[in-house]
Structure formats: structure tokens, C-alpha cells
């Protein structure tokens, strides 16, 4: 689990960020993969709990905004100990870059 925070607290962060952006996802890190739990998913708490029970670590939020011209992707690491913070900051940055590349391909094909 992410420090002392429970899944419902993490979902509250996701819900708070959701209305402020086009897309918001909570990134759950696994050793060789990721799970994204989206703010608009009605089963988001169940999906987060399943990911945590499967050994995932809730790393932070990724938010995406698009104004028709510019794509902006932001990543915010959940509070954690200093040793993990830089690791998860780099993880979210890589994940955000991958999302941005895929989004640019979609934007280019419009």
C-alpha cells in the first residue's frame, strides 16, 4: 500500500483531480507492467483494490489536457518515503511520455 493511505483515500485524490482535466488516471506500478485506474470508471475502487491485492503499488496520478492544439500531460507522485519518491517520479515520467507518444499518433491521424 502507499504509505498509510488506504485505497479509498487514493480514490478521493483521483475523484478530486477528475473534473479538472480531460483524463485522469491513477497509475499502479508492478515490476514489469502498469495498471491505470481512470477517474471516470464507475468500478475504480474495485479495480484499485484488485491491483493492490495483486502486488501493485499506487504511484501517483497522470492527468491529460488537450485544447485542440496542444497536448499536456502531468504526473504527480503520491507522497512516499524519499527512497521511493525518485523511483516513482521517474516511473510516472516514463509512463506519461509513453501516453504522450500514443496520443500524438492519434492526433496526427485526425
PDB file of N, CA and C in Angstrom:
ATOM      1  N   UNK A   1       0.849  -1.168   0.000  1.00  0.00           N
ATOM      2  CA  UNK A   1       0.000   0.000   0.000  1.00  0.00           C
ATOM      3  C   UNK A   1       0.889   1.223   0.000  1.00  0.00           C
ATOM      4  N   UNK A   2       0.327   2.331  -0.376  1.00  0.00           N
ATOM      5  CA  UNK A   2       1.040   3.592  -0.462  1.00  0.00           C
ATOM      6  C   UNK A   2       1.104   4.234   0.921  1.00  0.00           C
ATOM      7  N   UNK A   3       2.214   4.018   1.636  1.00  0.00           N
ATOM      8  CA  UNK A   3       2.341   4.572   2.978  1.00  0.00           C
ATOM      9  C   UNK A   3       1.191   4.108   3.848  1.00  0.00           C
ATOM     10  N   UNK A   4       0.588   5.027   4.571  1.00  0.00           N
ATOM     11  CA  UNK A   4      -0.529   4.688   5.451  1.00  0.00           C
ATOM     12  C   UNK A   4      -1.870   4.983   4.786  1.00  0.00           C
ATOM     13  N   UNK A   5      -1.856   5.351   3.532  1.00  0.00           N
ATOM     14  CA  UNK A   5      -3.097   5.742   2.852  1.00  0.00           C
ATOM     15  C   UNK A   5      -3.847   4.525   2.350  1.00  0.00           C
ATOM     16  N   UNK A   6      -5.142   4.526   2.585  1.00  0.00           N
ATOM     17  CA  UNK A   6      -5.960   3.413   2.114  1.00  0.00           C
ATOM     18  C   UNK A   6      -6.470   3.706   0.699  1.00  0.00           C
ATOM     19  N   UNK A   7      -6.971   2.677   0.052  1.00  0.00           N
ATOM     20  CA  UNK A   7      -7.436   2.794  -1.334  1.00  0.00           C
ATOM     21  C   UNK A   7      -8.515   3.866  -1.478  1.00  0.00           C
ATOM     22  N   UNK A   8      -9.411   3.969  -0.511  1.00  0.00           N
ATOM     23  CA  UNK A   8     -10.474   4.979  -0.632  1.00  0.00           C
ATOM     24  C   UNK A   8      -9.912   6.396  -0.580  1.00  0.00           C
ATOM     25  N   UNK A   9      -8.816   6.619   0.161  1.00  0.00           N
ATOM     26  CA  UNK A   9      -8.165   7.936   0.170  1.00  0.00           C
ATOM     27  C   UNK A   9      -7.534   8.244  -1.188  1.00  0.00           C
ATOM     28  N   UNK A  10      -6.924   7.237  -1.799  1.00  0.00           N
ATOM     29  CA  UNK A  10      -6.315   7.415  -3.119  1.00  0.00           C
ATOM     30  C   UNK A  10      -7.389   7.702  -4.171  1.00  0.00           C
ATOM     31  N   UNK A  11      -8.530   7.023  -4.058  1.00  0.00           N
ATOM     32  CA  UNK A  11      -9.642   7.273  -4.977  1.00  0.00           C
ATOM     33  C   UNK A  11     -10.187   8.682  -4.760  1.00  0.00           C
ATOM     34  N   UNK A  12     -10.186   9.164  -3.524  1.00  0.00           N
ATOM     35  CA  UNK A  12     -10.622  10.545  -3.259  1.00  0.00           C
ATOM     36  C   UNK A  12      -9.720  11.534  -3.992  1.00  0.00           C
ATOM     37  N   UNK A  13      -8.406  11.275  -4.017  1.00  0.00           N
ATOM     38  CA  UNK A  13      -7.482  12.126  -4.782  1.00  0.00           C
ATOM     39  C   UNK A  13      -7.815  12.074  -6.270  1.00  0.00           C
ATOM     40  N   UNK A  14      -8.078  10.879  -6.761  1.00  0.00           N
ATOM     41  CA  UNK A  14      -8.442  10.693  -8.166  1.00  0.00           C
ATOM     42  C   UNK A  14      -9.736  11.445  -8.482  1.00  0.00           C
ATOM     43  N   UNK A  15     -10.723  11.308  -7.622  1.00  0.00           N
ATOM     44  CA  UNK A  15     -12.008  11.982  -7.821  1.00  0.00           C
ATOM     45  C   UNK A  15     -11.862  13.500  -7.768  1.00  0.00           C
ATOM     46  N   UNK A  16     -10.991  13.987  -6.913  1.00  0.00           N
ATOM     47  CA  UNK A  16     -10.764  15.425  -6.807  1.00  0.00           C
ATOM     48  C   UNK A  16     -10.121  15.977  -8.069  1.00  0.00           C
ATOM     49  N   UNK A  17      -9.197  15.236  -8.655  1.00  0.00           N
ATOM     50  CA  UNK A  17      -8.495  15.690  -9.861  1.00  0.00           C
ATOM     51  C   UNK A  17      -9.339  15.514 -11.123  1.00  0.00           C
ATOM     52  N   UNK A  18     -10.234  14.545 -11.127  1.00  0.00           N
ATOM     53  CA  UNK A  18     -11.006  14.204 -12.319  1.00  0.00           C
ATOM     54  C   UNK A  18     -11.671  15.361 -13.029  1.00  0.00           C
ATOM     55  N   UNK A  19     -12.453  16.188 -12.348  1.00  0.00           N
ATOM     56  CA  UNK A  19     -13.160  17.278 -13.033  1.00  0.00           C
ATOM     57  C   UNK A  19     -12.248  18.389 -13.567  1.00  0.00           C
ATOM     58  N   UNK A  20     -11.005  18.409 -13.132  1.00  0.00           N
ATOM     59  CA  UNK A  20     -10.078  19.479 -13.515  1.00  0.00           C
ATOM     60  C   UNK A  20      -9.353  19.205 -14.831  1.00  0.00           C
ATOM     61  N   UNK A  21      -9.463  17.977 -15.357  1.00  0.00           N
ATOM     62  CA  UNK A  21      -8.696  17.584 -16.534  1.00  0.00           C
ATOM     63  C   UNK A  21      -9.552  16.757 -17.485  1.00  0.00           C
ATOM     64  N   UNK A  22      -9.108  16.647 -18.738  1.00  0.00           N
ATOM     65  CA  UNK A  22      -9.833  15.816 -19.722  1.00  0.00           C
ATOM     66  C   UNK A  22      -9.810  14.348 -19.319  1.00  0.00           C
ATOM     67  N   UNK A  23      -8.634  13.862 -18.919  1.00  0.00           N
ATOM     68  CA  UNK A  23      -8.471  12.467 -18.496  1.00  0.00           C
ATOM     69  C   UNK A  23      -7.551  12.454 -17.283  1.00  0.00           C
ATOM     70  N   UNK A  24      -7.919  11.657 -16.275  1.00  0.00           N
ATOM     71  CA  UNK A  24      -7.051  11.456 -15.114  1.00  0.00           C
ATOM     72  C   UNK A  24      -7.040   9.975 -14.786  1.00  0.00           C
ATOM     73  N   UNK A  25      -5.850   9.467 -14.534  1.00  0.00           N
ATOM     74  CA  UNK A  25      -5.694   8.062 -14.166  1.00  0.00           C
ATOM     75  C   UNK A  25      -4.753   7.931 -12.983  1.00  0.00           C
ATOM     76  N   UNK A  26      -5.050   6.977 -12.132  1.00  0.00           N
ATOM     77  CA  UNK A  26      -4.177   6.622 -11.030  1.00  0.00           C
ATOM     78  C   UNK A  26      -3.299   5.478 -11.538  1.00  0.00           C
ATOM     79  N   UNK A  27      -1.998   5.671 -11.497  1.00  0.00           N
ATOM     80  CA  UNK A  27      -1.060   4.673 -12.010  1.00  0.00           C
ATOM     81  C   UNK A  27      -0.642   3.725 -10.892  1.00  0.00           C
ATOM     82  N   UNK A  28      -0.840   2.430 -11.138  1.00  0.00           N
ATOM     83  CA  UNK A  28      -0.427   1.396 -10.192  1.00  0.00           C
ATOM     84  C   UNK A  28       0.746   0.653 -10.836  1.00  0.00           C
ATOM     85  N   UNK A  29       1.880   0.675 -10.151  1.00  0.00           N
ATOM     86  CA  UNK A  29       3.108   0.098 -10.690  1.00  0.00           C
ATOM     87  C   UNK A  29       3.282  -1.351 -10.256  1.00  0.00           C
ATOM     88  N   UNK A  30       3.634  -2.173 -11.230  1.00  0.00           N
ATOM     89  CA  UNK A  30       4.056  -3.546 -10.997  1.00  0.00           C
ATOM     90  C   UNK A  30       5.494  -3.647 -11.493  1.00  0.00           C
ATOM     91  N   UNK A  31       6.155  -4.736 -11.208  1.00  0.00           N
ATOM     92  CA  UNK A  31       7.554  -4.869 -11.616  1.00  0.00           C
ATOM     93  C   UNK A  31       7.735  -4.728 -13.119  1.00  0.00           C
ATOM     94  N   UNK A  32       6.850  -5.332 -13.916  1.00  0.00           N
ATOM     95  CA  UNK A  32       7.011  -5.310 -15.367  1.00  0.00           C
ATOM     96  C   UNK A  32       5.811  -4.756 -16.121  1.00  0.00           C
ATOM     97  N   UNK A  33       4.910  -4.108 -15.422  1.00  0.00           N
ATOM     98  CA  UNK A  33       3.725  -3.579 -16.089  1.00  0.00           C
ATOM     99  C   UNK A  33       3.091  -2.486 -15.240  1.00  0.00           C
ATOM    100  N   UNK A  34       2.006  -1.944 -15.752  1.00  0.00           N
ATOM    101  CA  UNK A  34       1.259  -0.898 -15.060  1.00  0.00           C
ATOM    102  C   UNK A  34      -0.223  -1.130 -15.245  1.00  0.00           C
ATOM    103  N   UNK A  35      -0.984  -0.647 -14.295  1.00  0.00           N
ATOM    104  CA  UNK A  35      -2.438  -0.619 -14.409  1.00  0.00           C
ATOM    105  C   UNK A  35      -2.848   0.832 -14.212  1.00  0.00           C
ATOM    106  N   UNK A  36      -3.723   1.315 -15.081  1.00  0.00           N
ATOM    107  CA  UNK A  36      -4.259   2.665 -14.939  1.00  0.00           C
ATOM    108  C   UNK A  36      -5.716   2.559 -14.512  1.00  0.00           C
ATOM    109  N   UNK A  37      -6.041   3.228 -13.419  1.00  0.00           N
ATOM    110  CA  UNK A  37      -7.410   3.281 -12.905  1.00  0.00           C
ATOM    111  C   UNK A  37      -7.921   4.684 -13.214  1.00  0.00           C
ATOM    112  N   UNK A  38      -8.939   4.783 -14.076  1.00  0.00           N
ATOM    113  CA  UNK A  38      -9.409   6.072 -14.576  1.00  0.00           C
ATOM    114  C   UNK A  38     -10.472   6.696 -13.676  1.00  0.00           C
ATOM    115  N   UNK A  39     -10.442   8.010 -13.563  1.00  0.00           N
ATOM    116  CA  UNK A  39     -11.369   8.746 -12.703  1.00  0.00           C
ATOM    117  C   UNK A  39     -12.821   8.539 -13.108  1.00  0.00           C
ATOM    118  N   UNK A  40     -13.085   8.330 -14.382  1.00  0.00           N
ATOM    119  CA  UNK A  40     -14.474   8.193 -14.837  1.00  0.00           C
ATOM    120  C   UNK A  40     -14.974   6.752 -14.836  1.00  0.00           C
ATOM    121  N   UNK A  41     -14.177   5.825 -14.308  1.00  0.00           N
ATOM    122  CA  UNK A  41     -14.590   4.425 -14.268  1.00  0.00           C
ATOM    123  C   UNK A  41     -15.455   4.189 -13.031  1.00  0.00           C
ATOM    124  N   UNK A  42     -16.684   3.726 -13.208  1.00  0.00           N
ATOM    125  CA  UNK A  42     -17.550   3.512 -12.042  1.00  0.00           C
ATOM    126  C   UNK A  42     -17.031   2.437 -11.089  1.00  0.00           C
ATOM    127  N   UNK A  43     -16.156   1.554 -11.543  1.00  0.00           N
ATOM    128  CA  UNK A  43     -15.593   0.490 -10.704  1.00  0.00           C
ATOM    129  C   UNK A  43     -14.173   0.794 -10.255  1.00  0.00           C
ATOM    130  N   UNK A  44     -13.813   2.076 -10.213  1.00  0.00           N
ATOM    131  CA  UNK A  44     -12.423   2.450  -9.946  1.00  0.00           C
ATOM    132  C   UNK A  44     -11.907   1.942  -8.594  1.00  0.00           C
ATOM    133  N   UNK A  45     -12.720   1.962  -7.544  1.00  0.00           N
ATOM    134  CA  UNK A  45     -12.247   1.474  -6.247  1.00  0.00           C
ATOM    135  C   UNK A  45     -11.987  -0.032  -6.307  1.00  0.00           C
ATOM    136  N   UNK A  46     -12.860  -0.782  -6.931  1.00  0.00           N
ATOM    137  CA  UNK A  46     -12.669  -2.231  -7.059  1.00  0.00           C
ATOM    138  C   UNK A  46     -11.401  -2.530  -7.861  1.00  0.00           C
ATOM    139  N   UNK A  47     -11.206  -1.819  -8.984  1.00  0.00           N
ATOM    140  CA  UNK A  47     -10.010  -2.046  -9.811  1.00  0.00           C
ATOM    141  C   UNK A  47      -8.735  -1.708  -9.047  1.00  0.00           C
ATOM    142  N   UNK A  48      -8.767  -0.622  -8.275  1.00  0.00           N
ATOM    143  CA  UNK A  48      -7.592  -0.251  -7.484  1.00  0.00           C
ATOM    144  C   UNK A  48      -7.317  -1.317  -6.426  1.00  0.00           C
ATOM    145  N   UNK A  49      -8.342  -1.738  -5.710  1.00  0.00           N
ATOM    146  CA  UNK A  49      -8.150  -2.779  -4.695  1.00  0.00           C
ATOM    147  C   UNK A  49      -7.593  -4.058  -5.304  1.00  0.00           C
ATOM    148  N   UNK A  50      -8.106  -4.451  -6.470  1.00  0.00           N
ATOM    149  CA  UNK A  50      -7.607  -5.666  -7.140  1.00  0.00           C
ATOM    150  C   UNK A  50      -6.135  -5.513  -7.523  1.00  0.00           C
ATOM    151  N   UNK A  51      -5.776  -4.330  -8.017  1.00  0.00           N
ATOM    152  CA  UNK A  51      -4.378  -4.101  -8.408  1.00  0.00           C
ATOM    153  C   UNK A  51      -3.458  -4.139  -7.191  1.00  0.00           C
ATOM    154  N   UNK A  52      -3.892  -3.550  -6.089  1.00  0.00           N
ATOM    155  CA  UNK A  52      -3.083  -3.560  -4.865  1.00  0.00           C
ATOM    156  C   UNK A  52      -2.955  -4.987  -4.333  1.00  0.00           C
ATOM    157  N   UNK A  53      -4.067  -5.719  -4.311  1.00  0.00           N
ATOM    158  CA  UNK A  53      -4.032  -7.102  -3.832  1.00  0.00           C
ATOM    159  C   UNK A  53      -3.139  -7.980  -4.700  1.00  0.00           C
ATOM    160  N   UNK A  54      -2.987  -7.628  -5.980  1.00  0.00           N
ATOM    161  CA  UNK A  54      -2.127  -8.388  -6.889  1.00  0.00           C
ATOM    162  C   UNK A  54      -0.653  -7.979  -6.768  1.00  0.00           C
ATOM    163  N   UNK A  55      -0.366  -7.043  -5.855  1.00  0.00           N
ATOM    164  CA  UNK A  55       1.024  -6.661  -5.623  1.00  0.00           C
ATOM    165  C   UNK A  55       1.427  -5.335  -6.227  1.00  0.00           C
ATOM    166  N   UNK A  56       0.475  -4.577  -6.767  1.00  0.00           N
ATOM    167  CA  UNK A  56       0.791  -3.277  -7.350  1.00  0.00           C
ATOM    168  C   UNK A  56       0.975  -2.206  -6.295  1.00  0.00           C
ATOM    169  N   UNK A  57       1.725  -1.163  -6.661  1.00  0.00           N
ATOM    170  CA  UNK A  57       1.978  -0.027  -5.776  1.00  0.00           C
ATOM    171  C   UNK A  57       1.378   1.229  -6.407  1.00  0.00           C
ATOM    172  N   UNK A  58       0.419   1.873  -5.738  1.00  0.00           N
ATOM    173  CA  UNK A  58      -0.172   3.109  -6.269  1.00  0.00           C
ATOM    174  C   UNK A  58       0.880   4.226  -6.282  1.00  0.00           C
ATOM    175  N   UNK A  59       1.366   4.572  -7.453  1.00  0.00           N
ATOM    176  CA  UNK A  59       2.493   5.501  -7.571  1.00  0.00           C
ATOM    177  C   UNK A  59       2.076   6.961  -7.636  1.00  0.00           C
ATOM    178  N   UNK A  60       0.963   7.255  -8.333  1.00  0.00           N
ATOM    179  CA  UNK A  60       0.559   8.652  -8.458  1.00  0.00           C
ATOM    180  C   UNK A  60      -0.503   8.823  -9.521  1.00  0.00           C
ATOM    181  N   UNK A  61      -0.760  10.088  -9.837  1.00  0.00           N
ATOM    182  CA  UNK A  61      -1.784  10.434 -10.821  1.00  0.00           C
ATOM    183  C   UNK A  61      -1.149  10.950 -12.103  1.00  0.00           C
ATOM    184  N   UNK A  62      -1.778  10.616 -13.215  1.00  0.00           N
ATOM    185  CA  UNK A  62      -1.413  11.181 -14.513  1.00  0.00           C
ATOM    186  C   UNK A  62      -2.646  11.897 -15.040  1.00  0.00           C
ATOM    187  N   UNK A  63      -2.483  13.169 -15.383  1.00  0.00           N
ATOM    188  CA  UNK A  63      -3.590  13.979 -15.897  1.00  0.00           C
ATOM    189  C   UNK A  63      -3.269  14.432 -17.312  1.00  0.00           C
ATOM    190  N   UNK A  64      -4.290  14.426 -18.165  1.00  0.00           N
ATOM    191  CA  UNK A  64      -4.118  14.801 -19.575  1.00  0.00           C
ATOM    192  C   UNK A  64      -5.108  15.902 -19.920  1.00  0.00           C
ATOM    193  N   UNK A  65      -4.604  16.930 -20.563  1.00  0.00           N
ATOM    194  CA  UNK A  65      -5.440  18.015 -21.079  1.00  0.00           C
ATOM    195  C   UNK A  65      -5.114  18.223 -22.552  1.00  0.00           C
ATOM    196  N   UNK A  66      -6.123  18.579 -23.315  1.00  0.00           N
ATOM    197  CA  UNK A  66      -5.950  18.832 -24.747  1.00  0.00           C
ATOM    198  C   UNK A  66      -6.923  19.925 -25.145  1.00  0.00           C
ATOM    199  N   UNK A  67      -6.386  21.007 -25.704  1.00  0.00           N
ATOM    200  CA  UNK A  67      -7.229  22.146 -26.071  1.00  0.00           C
ATOM    201  C   UNK A  67      -7.525  22.206 -27.569  1.00  0.00           C
ATOM    202  N   UNK A  68      -7.263  21.114 -28.279  1.00  0.00           N
ATOM    203  CA  UNK A  68      -7.468  21.087 -29.717  1.00  0.00           C
ATOM    204  C   UNK A  68      -6.191  21.361 -30.489  1.00  0.00           C
ATOM    205  N   UNK A  69      -5.198  21.907 -29.820  1.00  0.00           N
ATOM    206  CA  UNK A  69      -3.906  22.177 -30.444  1.00  0.00           C
ATOM    207  C   UNK A  69      -2.761  21.552 -29.669  1.00  0.00           C
ATOM    208  N   UNK A  70      -2.798  21.717 -28.360  1.00  0.00           N
ATOM    209  CA  UNK A  70      -1.669  21.290 -27.536  1.00  0.00           C
ATOM    210  C   UNK A  70      -2.105  20.213 -26.544  1.00  0.00           C
ATOM    211  N   UNK A  71      -1.273  19.180 -26.448  1.00  0.00           N
ATOM    212  CA  UNK A  71      -1.492  18.096 -25.505  1.00  0.00           C
ATOM    213  C   UNK A  71      -0.577  18.324 -24.305  1.00  0.00           C
ATOM    214  N   UNK A  72      -1.146  18.315 -23.112  1.00  0.00           N
ATOM    215  CA  UNK A  72      -0.366  18.498 -21.892  1.00  0.00           C
ATOM    216  C   UNK A  72      -0.616  17.299 -20.991  1.00  0.00           C
ATOM    217  N   UNK A  73       0.461  16.658 -20.570  1.00  0.00           N
ATOM    218  CA  UNK A  73       0.362  15.518 -19.672  1.00  0.00           C
ATOM    219  C   UNK A  73       1.167  15.839 -18.413  1.00  0.00           C
ATOM    220  N   UNK A  74       0.501  15.706 -17.267  1.00  0.00           N
ATOM    221  CA  UNK A  74       1.128  15.997 -15.982  1.00  0.00           C
ATOM    222  C   UNK A  74       1.155  14.737 -15.132  1.00  0.00           C
ATOM    223  N   UNK A  75       2.190  14.596 -14.327  1.00  0.00           N
ATOM    224  CA  UNK A  75       2.299  13.458 -13.418  1.00  0.00           C
ATOM    225  C   UNK A  75       2.555  13.969 -12.012  1.00  0.00           C
ATOM    226  N   UNK A  76       1.874  13.364 -11.051  1.00  0.00           N
ATOM    227  CA  UNK A  76       2.011  13.759  -9.654  1.00  0.00           C
ATOM    228  C   UNK A  76       2.203  12.508  -8.805  1.00  0.00           C
ATOM    229  N   UNK A  77       3.369  12.391  -8.183  1.00  0.00           N
ATOM    230  CA  UNK A  77       3.694  11.238  -7.353  1.00  0.00           C
ATOM    231  C   UNK A  77       2.955  11.355  -6.025  1.00  0.00           C
ATOM    232  N   UNK A  78       2.382  10.237  -5.568  1.00  0.00           N
ATOM    233  CA  UNK A  78       1.800  10.223  -4.235  1.00  0.00           C
ATOM    234  C   UNK A  78       2.914  10.347  -3.210  1.00  0.00           C
ATOM    235  N   UNK A  79       2.601  10.920  -2.079  1.00  0.00           N
ATOM    236  CA  UNK A  79       3.577  11.083  -1.016  1.00  0.00           C
ATOM    237  C   UNK A  79       4.096   9.719  -0.573  1.00  0.00           C
ATOM    238  N   UNK A  80       5.423   9.602  -0.507  1.00  0.00           N
ATOM    239  CA  UNK A  80       6.041   8.352  -0.064  1.00  0.00           C
ATOM    240  C   UNK A  80       7.425   8.679   0.487  1.00  0.00           C
ATOM    241  N   UNK A  81       8.132   7.673   0.971  1.00  0.00           N
ATOM    242  CA  UNK A  81       9.459   7.926   1.515  1.00  0.00           C
ATOM    243  C   UNK A  81      10.408   8.375   0.411  1.00  0.00           C
ATOM    244  N   UNK A  82      11.450   9.070   0.804  1.00  0.00           N
ATOM    245  CA  UNK A  82      12.375   9.684  -0.152  1.00  0.00           C
ATOM    246  C   UNK A  82      13.011   8.660  -1.087  1.00  0.00           C
ATOM    247  N   UNK A  83      13.306   7.481  -0.593  1.00  0.00           N
ATOM    248  CA  UNK A  83      13.941   6.459  -1.424  1.00  0.00           C
ATOM    249  C   UNK A  83      13.037   6.038  -2.574  1.00  0.00           C
ATOM    250  N   UNK A  84      11.753   5.954  -2.328  1.00  0.00           N
ATOM    251  CA  UNK A  84      10.811   5.553  -3.377  1.00  0.00           C
ATOM    252  C   UNK A  84      10.397   6.718  -4.268  1.00  0.00           C
ATOM    253  N   UNK A  85      10.405   7.921  -3.723  1.00  0.00           N
ATOM    254  CA  UNK A  85       9.863   9.064  -4.459  1.00  0.00           C
ATOM    255  C   UNK A  85      10.535   9.267  -5.811  1.00  0.00           C
ATOM    256  N   UNK A  86      11.850   9.264  -5.850  1.00  0.00           N
ATOM    257  CA  UNK A  86      12.534   9.478  -7.129  1.00  0.00           C
ATOM    258  C   UNK A  86      12.272   8.327  -8.099  1.00  0.00           C
ATOM    259  N   UNK A  87      12.220   7.111  -7.592  1.00  0.00           N
ATOM    260  CA  UNK A  87      11.909   5.953  -8.431  1.00  0.00           C
ATOM    261  C   UNK A  87      10.533   6.119  -9.082  1.00  0.00           C
ATOM    262  N   UNK A  88       9.536   6.472  -8.285  1.00  0.00           N
ATOM    263  CA  UNK A  88       8.183   6.591  -8.824  1.00  0.00           C
ATOM    264  C   UNK A  88       8.002   7.861  -9.652  1.00  0.00           C
ATOM    265  N   UNK A  89       8.763   8.890  -9.358  1.00  0.00           N
ATOM    266  CA  UNK A  89       8.729  10.095 -10.208  1.00  0.00           C
ATOM    267  C   UNK A  89       9.225   9.736 -11.614  1.00  0.00           C
ATOM    268  N   UNK A  90      10.323   8.974 -11.690  1.00  0.00           N
ATOM    269  CA  UNK A  90      10.860   8.538 -12.992  1.00  0.00           C
ATOM    270  C   UNK A  90       9.885   7.590 -13.677  1.00  0.00           C
ATOM    271  N   UNK A  91       9.272   6.692 -12.923  1.00  0.00           N
ATOM    272  CA  UNK A  91       8.280   5.764 -13.474  1.00  0.00           C
ATOM    273  C   UNK A  91       7.109   6.536 -14.090  1.00  0.00           C
ATOM    274  N   UNK A  92       6.561   7.501 -13.360  1.00  0.00           N
ATOM    275  CA  UNK A  92       5.428   8.278 -13.890  1.00  0.00           C
ATOM    276  C   UNK A  92       5.842   9.102 -15.106  1.00  0.00           C
ATOM    277  N   UNK A  93       7.049   9.633 -15.092  1.00  0.00           N
ATOM    278  CA  UNK A  93       7.550  10.406 -16.235  1.00  0.00           C
ATOM    279  C   UNK A  93       7.617   9.519 -17.485  1.00  0.00           C
ATOM    280  N   UNK A  94       8.158   8.297 -17.331  1.00  0.00           N
ATOM    281  CA  UNK A  94       8.229   7.359 -18.473  1.00  0.00           C
ATOM    282  C   UNK A  94       6.826   6.984 -18.957  1.00  0.00           C
ATOM    283  N   UNK A  95       5.927   6.725 -18.031  1.00  0.00           N
ATOM    284  CA  UNK A  95       4.561   6.363 -18.393  1.00  0.00           C
ATOM    285  C   UNK A  95       3.866   7.529 -19.102  1.00  0.00           C
ATOM    286  N   UNK A  96       4.044   8.736 -18.602  1.00  0.00           N
ATOM    287  CA  UNK A  96       3.459   9.921 -19.228  1.00  0.00           C
ATOM    288  C   UNK A  96       4.024  10.131 -20.632  1.00  0.00           C
ATOM    289  N   UNK A  97       5.316   9.891 -20.813  1.00  0.00           N
ATOM    290  CA  UNK A  97       5.918  10.031 -22.142  1.00  0.00           C
ATOM    291  C   UNK A  97       5.345   9.007 -23.113  1.00  0.00           C
ATOM    292  N   UNK A  98       5.126   7.788 -22.642  1.00  0.00           N
ATOM    293  CA  UNK A  98       4.534   6.761 -23.496  1.00  0.00           C
ATOM    294  C   UNK A  98       3.106   7.144 -23.891  1.00  0.00           C
ATOM    295  N   UNK A  99       2.348   7.644 -22.940  1.00  0.00           N
ATOM    296  CA  UNK A  99       0.978   8.090 -23.232  1.00  0.00           C
ATOM    297  C   UNK A  99       1.008   9.235 -24.228  1.00  0.00           C
ATOM    298  N   UNK A 100       1.924  10.162 -24.055  1.00  0.00           N
ATOM    299  CA  UNK A 100       2.028  11.311 -24.959  1.00  0.00           C
ATOM    300  C   UNK A 100       2.344  10.863 -26.383  1.00  0.00           C
ATOM    301  N   UNK A 101       3.244   9.907 -26.537  1.00  0.00           N
ATOM    302  CA  UNK A 101       3.586   9.412 -27.876  1.00  0.00           C
ATOM    303  C   UNK A 101       2.365   8.793 -28.556  1.00  0.00           C
ATOM    304  N   UNK A 102       1.620   7.999 -27.806  1.00  0.00           N
ATOM    305  CA  UNK A 102       0.421   7.374 -28.370  1.00  0.00           C
ATOM    306  C   UNK A 102      -0.631   8.418 -28.710  1.00  0.00           C
ATOM    307  N   UNK A 103      -0.788   9.404 -27.855  1.00  0.00           N
ATOM    308  CA  UNK A 103      -1.773  10.458 -28.104  1.00  0.00           C
ATOM    309  C   UNK A 103      -1.390  11.288 -29.320  1.00  0.00           C
ATOM    310  N   UNK A 104      -0.113  11.552 -29.504  1.00  0.00           N
ATOM    311  CA  UNK A 104       0.340  12.318 -30.669  1.00  0.00           C
ATOM    312  C   UNK A 104       0.036  11.560 -31.959  1.00  0.00           C
ATOM    313  N   UNK A 105       0.190  10.230 -31.947  1.00  0.00           N
ATOM    314  CA  UNK A 105      -0.149   9.425 -33.113  1.00  0.00           C
ATOM    315  C   UNK A 105      -1.618   9.551 -33.447  1.00  0.00           C
ATOM    316  N   UNK A 106      -2.456   9.527 -32.426  1.00  0.00           N
ATOM    317  CA  UNK A 106      -3.899   9.676 -32.644  1.00  0.00           C
ATOM    318  C   UNK A 106      -4.211  11.057 -33.179  1.00  0.00           C
ATOM    319  N   UNK A 107      -3.600  12.067 -32.586  1.00  0.00           N
ATOM    320  CA  UNK A 107      -3.823  13.444 -33.008  1.00  0.00           C
ATOM    321  C   UNK A 107      -3.385  13.641 -34.458  1.00  0.00           C
ATOM    322  N   UNK A 108      -2.267  13.034 -34.837  1.00  0.00           N
ATOM    323  CA  UNK A 108      -1.747  13.162 -36.206  1.00  0.00           C
ATOM    324  C   UNK A 108      -2.660  12.521 -37.246  1.00  0.00           C
ATOM    325  N   UNK A 109      -3.371  11.480 -36.836  1.00  0.00           N
ATOM    326  CA  UNK A 109      -4.229  10.772 -37.791  1.00  0.00           C
ATOM    327  C   UNK A 109      -5.606  11.401 -37.930  1.00  0.00           C
ATOM    328  N   UNK A 110      -5.897  12.450 -37.158  1.00  0.00           N
ATOM    329  CA  UNK A 110      -7.213  13.111 -37.251  1.00  0.00           C
ATOM    330  C   UNK A 110      -7.329  13.949 -38.497  1.00  0.00           C
TER     331      UNK A 110
END
